[in-house]
Structures are given as C-alpha cells and as structure tokens.
Amino acid sequence: MDREILQSCSSVRNVQSVQAGGNVTFSCQSATKEDVIQVTWQKETDGTEDNIATYSVMNGQKIAKDYVSHVSFAHSELRASAISLHGVTLQDEGCYKCIFNTFPSGAVTGRMCLKVYAISDPKVETKLIPSPDKAQDSKKMVEMSCSATGKPAPKITWHLPSILQQKPREYHIKFSNETVTVISNFTHTHSKILQEYPITCVIQHPSLNVTLVLPTDSLEQGQYVTLLLLWSGAENGKHLLGQIRQLLRGLGAGGEGTWKSSCGWAWEGWRRCCGTSRCPGQWH
C-alpha cells in the first residue's frame, strides 16, 4: 500500500485554482530518507490513474505523449519534483499524484487537486419591441438581457431604480464541458425613466466581477445595442486567456493589471474607441 509523504504545493495549498488558459505548478518533496529510484506524476481520471511524467537518473525527464504539448518539469530531482501545466483547460481539472518509488519500501505518494474556472461572453443587450397591445397609441416595450457563460455558472443580478423593481426571468443552458450559460432578461414600458436612471447588470464569477451599464439613450425601434467584452491580461505575472475586451483597467480575482481594449490601452484609448466619456463598463 502506498504511504503518504510530505507534499508542498506551489501555492501552499493542496487545492489550487486557476483561470482557463493560465498556468499552474505542482510540487512534491519526499520526507523519507530511503533511496528514491524514480519519481512519477499521475492524474486521476474517472477512477483510473494516467501517467503524466517520470524522472530517474537513468532515463532523465520523460513526458507522456498525451501531455507533452502542455506539461513540463519545473524541477526534477529524486527527492523533490515539480511539474507545470501550461494553457490549462477545463479537462485539466482534477487531482494529481506524485509518487516516489523508493528502495526498499516501495512507493510513497503525495496528492493535490486543481480547480479550473472559465468565463466568456459577458454581454448586455437592449432592444425596443412592439407592445402586446395592438392599439396605435400603445407604448413601445424595451427588452433588456444580460448573459454570460462560465464554470461554475455566473451569478447575474440587476441594479434597478425603485420604479422598475421587478423579478427578471432567468434561464440556464448546460453544456457537456460543464460550463453554463446564464441569461437574465425582462421587459418594461419604454419611457423617460430609462433615460434618467441607470440600469446596470452585475456578473459575478470566481475569476471575474463586472458591472455593465445598459445604454438606453439611443434606442430606436428594432435596434440592438450590445456590449461584448473580450479580455486579455495578467495575473501575478502570468498570462491569462483573453476572453473579454472593451474595457479600461481591470481587477480580476487574485490578480490585477491593465486590460487591453479592442482599440487601445487603458482609459484614454477606450474613450477614443467609444467616442464619448459615457462609455459603459465598470470593472471591480
């Protein structure tokens, strides 16, 4: 039977979390004084254990074929080992084992787990639609929708003036990769109140918090106004997969940086892109 050994994760935790597209490093150190013949790294997958990499004095560093494109040794000694996963995907989520094959006692192991977060396509839309009332003098309706796709499911809330308080309809669409698209929307009679009071959609996620302000001052019959964010940035000096654009400066969970917009860097570039000082989109 395998024996547990002292293990040390790079984040000083046995469970690490990372944004999809980021990098993560696992490290293990043997506490036994016995001779170590080989170090093996494995991933637990559906009740089985897949070999990722091995290191020994005789054979050196070996990466399994299925992992060679995005796994590398960060450190390789017989008594201390570390591997890095680059461009992490949702499929990399799970638990990993480092196994020190010792003589004469055999295998001793350490175990650590990875949680992968993903967020994409946060957007808000507004559209004028005909009123269900067929009368010629009936007021137009404004349809407001906020949505995002993520793992885990994003949380969507609205900040509304008291006169517009109502419960939005919410829909969840689940995908095979465990991501969920959340759509929250409602309709209301179009009136000047929509121009006088800001309506904001708040999207909350472990890797991102964003507040989007609905543009209501330029709506015309049948017109859509869409804010779609695609980003790129850095967390603790590590590149994050770009999936949200059109913003100024941002602070994501666990990291901060200047986020690149579709037309330039930071606030001044964003203002030039929007052509106004009232550009929607506030990051926390």
Protein backbone atom coordinates (compact mmCIF):
# COMPACT_ATOMS: atom_id res chain seq x y z
CA MET A 1 0.00 0.00 0.00
CA ASP A 2 1.25 3.47 -0.86
CA ARG A 3 2.39 5.63 2.03
CA GLU A 4 1.64 9.34 2.27
CA ILE A 5 4.60 11.68 2.13
CA LEU A 6 5.15 15.33 2.88
CA GLN A 7 3.97 17.36 -0.08
CA SER A 8 4.17 21.08 -0.80
CA CYS A 9 2.05 22.77 -3.44
CA SER A 10 3.36 25.89 -5.12
CA SER A 11 0.52 27.90 -3.55
CA VAL A 12 0.99 26.27 -0.13
CA ARG A 13 -2.42 24.64 -0.57
CA ASN A 14 -3.49 21.10 -1.51
CA VAL A 15 -6.18 22.56 -3.77
CA GLN A 16 -5.23 25.19 -6.33
CA SER A 17 -7.49 27.17 -8.65
CA VAL A 18 -6.64 28.71 -12.00
CA GLN A 19 -8.40 30.53 -14.82
CA ALA A 20 -8.70 28.51 -18.03
CA GLY A 21 -5.74 29.42 -20.21
CA GLY A 22 -3.46 30.13 -17.25
CA ASN A 23 -0.53 28.16 -15.88
CA VAL A 24 -0.13 26.20 -12.66
CA THR A 25 2.74 24.36 -10.94
CA PHE A 26 2.55 21.36 -8.59
CA SER A 27 5.49 20.40 -6.41
CA CYS A 28 6.29 17.49 -4.11
CA GLN A 29 9.13 16.76 -1.74
CA SER A 30 9.93 13.35 -0.28
CA ALA A 31 10.16 13.12 3.51
CA THR A 32 11.62 9.63 3.54
CA LYS A 33 15.35 9.05 3.93
CA GLU A 34 15.26 5.96 1.75
CA ASP A 35 16.82 5.93 -1.70
CA VAL A 36 14.48 7.20 -4.43
CA ILE A 37 14.73 5.31 -7.72
CA GLN A 38 12.13 7.20 -9.78
CA VAL A 39 9.55 9.98 -9.46
CA THR A 40 6.22 9.56 -11.29
CA TRP A 41 3.42 12.10 -11.80
CA GLN A 42 -0.13 10.87 -12.42
CA LYS A 43 -3.58 12.36 -12.99
CA GLU A 44 -6.66 10.72 -11.54
CA THR A 45 -9.25 10.37 -14.32
CA ASP A 46 -12.59 8.57 -13.91
CA GLY A 47 -11.24 6.14 -11.33
CA THR A 48 -8.04 5.45 -13.24
CA GLU A 49 -4.57 6.94 -12.95
CA ASP A 50 -2.87 8.22 -16.10
CA ASN A 51 0.89 8.65 -16.14
CA ILE A 52 1.90 12.22 -16.96
CA ALA A 53 5.66 12.29 -16.44
CA THR A 54 8.57 10.41 -14.87
CA TYR A 55 12.08 11.27 -13.78
CA SER A 56 15.01 8.99 -12.97
CA VAL A 57 18.77 9.27 -13.13
CA MET A 58 18.92 6.54 -15.76
CA ASN A 59 16.19 7.83 -18.11
CA GLY A 60 16.04 11.53 -17.26
CA GLN A 61 12.81 13.50 -17.79
CA LYS A 62 10.01 11.77 -19.68
CA ILE A 63 6.64 13.35 -20.56
CA ALA A 64 3.77 11.12 -21.71
CA LYS A 65 2.68 11.66 -25.31
CA ASP A 66 -0.79 12.97 -24.40
CA TYR A 67 0.72 15.66 -22.15
CA VAL A 68 3.91 16.66 -23.92
CA SER A 69 2.31 19.75 -25.51
CA HIS A 70 1.37 21.48 -22.26
CA VAL A 71 3.29 19.85 -19.37
CA SER A 72 6.91 20.44 -18.43
CA PHE A 73 9.18 19.78 -15.48
CA ALA A 74 9.69 22.88 -13.36
CA HIS A 75 12.07 20.98 -11.08
CA SER A 76 13.43 17.44 -11.29
CA GLU A 77 15.42 15.74 -8.57
CA LEU A 78 14.93 12.36 -6.98
CA ARG A 79 13.82 13.84 -3.66
CA ALA A 80 11.98 16.91 -4.95
CA SER A 81 9.93 17.31 -8.12
CA ALA A 82 7.62 19.88 -9.72
CA ILE A 83 5.62 19.96 -12.95
CA SER A 84 3.94 22.90 -14.67
CA LEU A 85 0.74 22.81 -16.73
CA HIS A 86 0.63 25.48 -19.43
CA GLY A 87 -2.53 26.81 -21.07
CA VAL A 88 -4.77 24.97 -18.63
CA THR A 89 -8.10 23.72 -20.00
CA LEU A 90 -11.28 22.55 -18.28
CA GLN A 91 -10.15 18.98 -18.92
CA ASP A 92 -7.12 19.53 -16.66
CA GLU A 93 -9.34 19.85 -13.59
CA GLY A 94 -8.92 17.00 -11.13
CA CYS A 95 -6.41 15.53 -8.71
CA TYR A 96 -2.74 14.79 -9.31
CA LYS A 97 -0.33 12.42 -7.56
CA CYS A 98 3.43 12.48 -7.21
CA ILE A 99 4.88 9.03 -6.50
CA PHE A 100 8.38 8.44 -5.18
CA ASN A 101 9.49 4.87 -5.91
CA THR A 102 11.84 4.14 -3.01
CA PHE A 103 14.10 1.24 -2.05
CA PRO A 104 13.43 -0.94 -0.21
CA SER A 105 9.93 0.18 0.92
CA GLY A 106 8.35 0.92 -2.47
CA ALA A 107 6.02 3.77 -3.43
CA VAL A 108 5.22 6.78 -1.26
CA THR A 109 2.78 9.36 -2.60
CA GLY A 110 1.56 12.92 -2.37
CA ARG A 111 -1.75 14.24 -3.74
CA MET A 112 -3.02 17.68 -4.77
CA CYS A 113 -6.05 18.88 -6.73
CA LEU A 114 -6.79 21.54 -9.34
CA LYS A 115 -9.96 23.60 -9.82
CA VAL A 116 -10.33 25.30 -13.22
CA TYR A 117 -12.55 28.35 -13.69
CA ALA A 118 -13.77 29.70 -17.03
CA ILE A 119 -15.75 32.78 -18.05
CA SER A 120 -16.63 34.07 -21.51
CA ASP A 121 -19.05 36.27 -23.44
CA PRO A 122 -20.41 38.53 -20.70
CA LYS A 123 -22.76 40.87 -22.52
CA VAL A 124 -25.81 43.05 -22.15
CA GLU A 125 -28.40 43.79 -24.84
CA THR A 126 -31.32 46.17 -25.11
CA LYS A 127 -33.94 46.23 -27.83
CA LEU A 128 -37.20 48.08 -28.47
CA ILE A 129 -40.06 45.71 -29.23
CA PRO A 130 -43.73 46.30 -30.10
CA SER A 131 -46.17 46.29 -27.21
CA PRO A 132 -48.56 43.31 -26.99
CA ASP A 133 -51.31 45.94 -27.07
CA LYS A 134 -52.26 46.46 -30.73
CA ALA A 135 -53.56 49.99 -30.19
CA GLN A 136 -51.78 52.64 -32.25
CA ASP A 137 -51.03 54.76 -29.21
CA SER A 138 -49.65 51.84 -27.19
CA LYS A 139 -46.20 52.37 -25.73
CA LYS A 140 -43.19 50.52 -27.02
CA MET A 141 -41.53 47.95 -24.78
CA VAL A 142 -37.83 47.74 -24.07
CA GLU A 143 -36.35 44.27 -23.72
CA MET A 144 -33.21 44.03 -21.57
CA SER A 145 -30.98 40.96 -21.44
CA CYS A 146 -27.73 40.13 -19.64
CA SER A 147 -25.82 36.88 -20.11
CA ALA A 148 -22.50 35.11 -19.59
CA THR A 149 -21.05 31.61 -19.92
CA GLY A 150 -18.81 30.12 -17.28
CA LYS A 151 -17.71 27.34 -14.98
CA PRO A 152 -19.10 27.50 -12.39
CA ALA A 153 -22.29 29.20 -13.53
CA PRO A 154 -22.02 33.01 -13.35
CA LYS A 155 -24.35 34.87 -11.00
CA ILE A 156 -26.34 37.70 -12.60
CA THR A 157 -28.11 40.46 -10.70
CA TRP A 158 -29.64 43.78 -11.72
CA HIS A 159 -29.42 47.23 -10.14
CA LEU A 160 -32.71 48.97 -10.94
CA PRO A 161 -34.40 52.19 -9.80
CA SER A 162 -37.31 51.60 -7.43
CA ILE A 163 -39.88 52.39 -10.12
CA LEU A 164 -38.55 49.49 -12.22
CA GLN A 165 -38.29 46.88 -9.49
CA GLN A 166 -39.34 43.52 -10.86
CA LYS A 167 -38.05 39.96 -10.93
CA PRO A 168 -36.17 39.14 -14.15
CA ARG A 169 -36.62 35.81 -15.88
CA GLU A 170 -33.52 33.62 -15.72
CA TYR A 171 -32.51 30.69 -17.93
CA HIS A 172 -29.65 28.20 -17.57
CA ILE A 173 -28.16 26.29 -20.51
CA LYS A 174 -25.76 23.49 -19.51
CA PHE A 175 -23.05 22.15 -21.80
CA SER A 176 -21.11 18.88 -21.83
CA ASN A 177 -17.88 20.63 -20.79
CA GLU A 178 -19.58 21.65 -17.51
CA THR A 179 -19.90 25.31 -18.50
CA VAL A 180 -23.27 27.00 -18.07
CA THR A 181 -24.76 29.93 -19.98
CA VAL A 182 -26.91 32.09 -17.72
CA ILE A 183 -29.39 34.50 -19.35
CA SER A 184 -31.36 37.03 -17.32
CA ASN A 185 -33.89 39.31 -19.00
CA PHE A 186 -37.06 41.34 -18.57
CA THR A 187 -39.22 43.82 -20.46
CA HIS A 188 -40.65 47.17 -19.43
CA THR A 189 -42.62 50.01 -20.97
CA HIS A 190 -40.17 52.34 -22.62
CA SER A 191 -40.30 55.76 -21.02
CA LYS A 192 -38.06 58.61 -20.00
CA ILE A 193 -37.37 56.84 -16.74
CA LEU A 194 -34.98 54.59 -18.66
CA GLN A 195 -33.03 57.64 -19.77
CA GLU A 196 -32.97 59.30 -16.37
CA TYR A 197 -31.89 56.35 -14.24
CA PRO A 198 -29.00 53.99 -14.97
CA ILE A 199 -29.78 50.30 -15.22
CA THR A 200 -26.85 48.01 -14.57
CA CYS A 201 -26.24 44.30 -14.87
CA VAL A 202 -23.75 42.73 -12.45
CA ILE A 203 -21.99 39.49 -13.42
CA GLN A 204 -20.19 37.70 -10.60
CA HIS A 205 -17.79 34.78 -11.04
CA PRO A 206 -14.77 33.45 -9.09
CA SER A 207 -12.45 34.74 -11.81
CA LEU A 208 -14.27 37.94 -12.78
CA ASN A 209 -16.66 40.61 -11.48
CA VAL A 210 -18.06 43.09 -14.00
CA THR A 211 -20.79 45.74 -13.96
CA LEU A 212 -22.34 46.64 -17.33
CA VAL A 213 -24.45 49.77 -17.79
CA LEU A 214 -27.29 49.46 -20.28
CA PRO A 215 -27.26 52.16 -22.99
CA THR A 216 -30.84 53.46 -23.17
CA ASP A 217 -30.45 56.92 -24.67
CA SER A 218 -30.13 55.88 -28.32
CA LEU A 219 -32.67 53.10 -28.74
CA GLU A 220 -34.74 53.03 -31.91
CA GLN A 221 -37.43 50.61 -32.99
CA GLY A 222 -35.86 47.20 -33.57
CA GLN A 223 -32.33 48.39 -32.76
CA TYR A 224 -29.96 46.25 -30.69
CA VAL A 225 -27.24 47.73 -28.53
CA THR A 226 -24.76 45.08 -27.46
CA LEU A 227 -21.72 45.26 -25.19
CA LEU A 228 -19.48 42.23 -25.72
CA LEU A 229 -16.29 42.09 -23.68
CA LEU A 230 -13.21 40.09 -24.65
CA TRP A 231 -10.21 40.47 -22.41
CA SER A 232 -6.55 39.72 -22.07
CA GLY A 233 -4.37 40.45 -19.10
CA ALA A 234 -2.04 39.08 -16.48
CA GLU A 235 -2.44 37.56 -13.05
CA ASN A 236 0.61 37.59 -10.81
CA GLY A 237 2.80 37.97 -13.86
CA LYS A 238 1.18 35.08 -15.72
CA HIS A 239 -0.73 35.48 -18.98
CA LEU A 240 -4.48 34.90 -18.86
CA LEU A 241 -6.51 33.68 -21.80
CA GLY A 242 -8.17 36.66 -23.48
CA GLN A 243 -11.92 36.40 -23.46
CA ILE A 244 -13.28 39.82 -22.54
CA ARG A 245 -12.49 43.03 -24.43
CA GLN A 246 -13.59 46.72 -24.46
CA LEU A 247 -12.56 47.84 -21.05
CA LEU A 248 -10.28 50.25 -19.29
CA ARG A 249 -8.46 48.90 -16.30
CA GLY A 250 -9.48 45.74 -14.52
CA LEU A 251 -9.02 43.70 -11.40
CA GLY A 252 -9.73 40.01 -11.63
CA ALA A 253 -9.91 37.54 -8.78
CA GLY A 254 -6.39 37.06 -7.48
CA GLY A 255 -4.67 39.48 -9.84
CA GLU A 256 -4.69 42.91 -11.36
CA GLY A 257 -3.46 44.61 -14.50
CA THR A 258 -4.17 46.95 -17.36
CA TRP A 259 -6.62 45.24 -19.64
CA LYS A 260 -6.41 45.73 -23.38
CA SER A 261 -9.44 47.10 -25.19
CA SER A 262 -10.30 46.49 -28.84
CA CYS A 263 -8.95 49.90 -29.78
CA GLY A 264 -6.19 50.80 -27.34
CA TRP A 265 -4.88 50.60 -23.83
CA ALA A 266 -6.50 51.90 -20.67
CA TRP A 267 -8.98 54.74 -20.24
CA GLU A 268 -7.87 57.22 -22.91
CA GLY A 269 -7.74 54.59 -25.64
CA TRP A 270 -11.16 53.32 -24.60
CA ARG A 271 -12.66 56.83 -24.73
CA ARG A 272 -11.35 57.29 -28.26
CA CYS A 273 -12.92 53.99 -29.22
CA CYS A 274 -16.31 54.87 -27.75
CA GLY A 275 -16.20 58.48 -28.85
CA THR A 276 -17.74 59.57 -25.56
CA SER A 277 -16.93 59.91 -21.90
CA ARG A 278 -20.05 57.88 -21.06
CA CYS A 279 -18.71 54.53 -22.19
CA PRO A 280 -20.44 51.69 -20.34
CA GLY A 281 -18.49 49.05 -18.46
CA GLN A 282 -17.05 49.30 -14.96
CA TRP A 283 -14.65 46.71 -13.57
CA HIS A 284 -14.12 45.75 -9.93
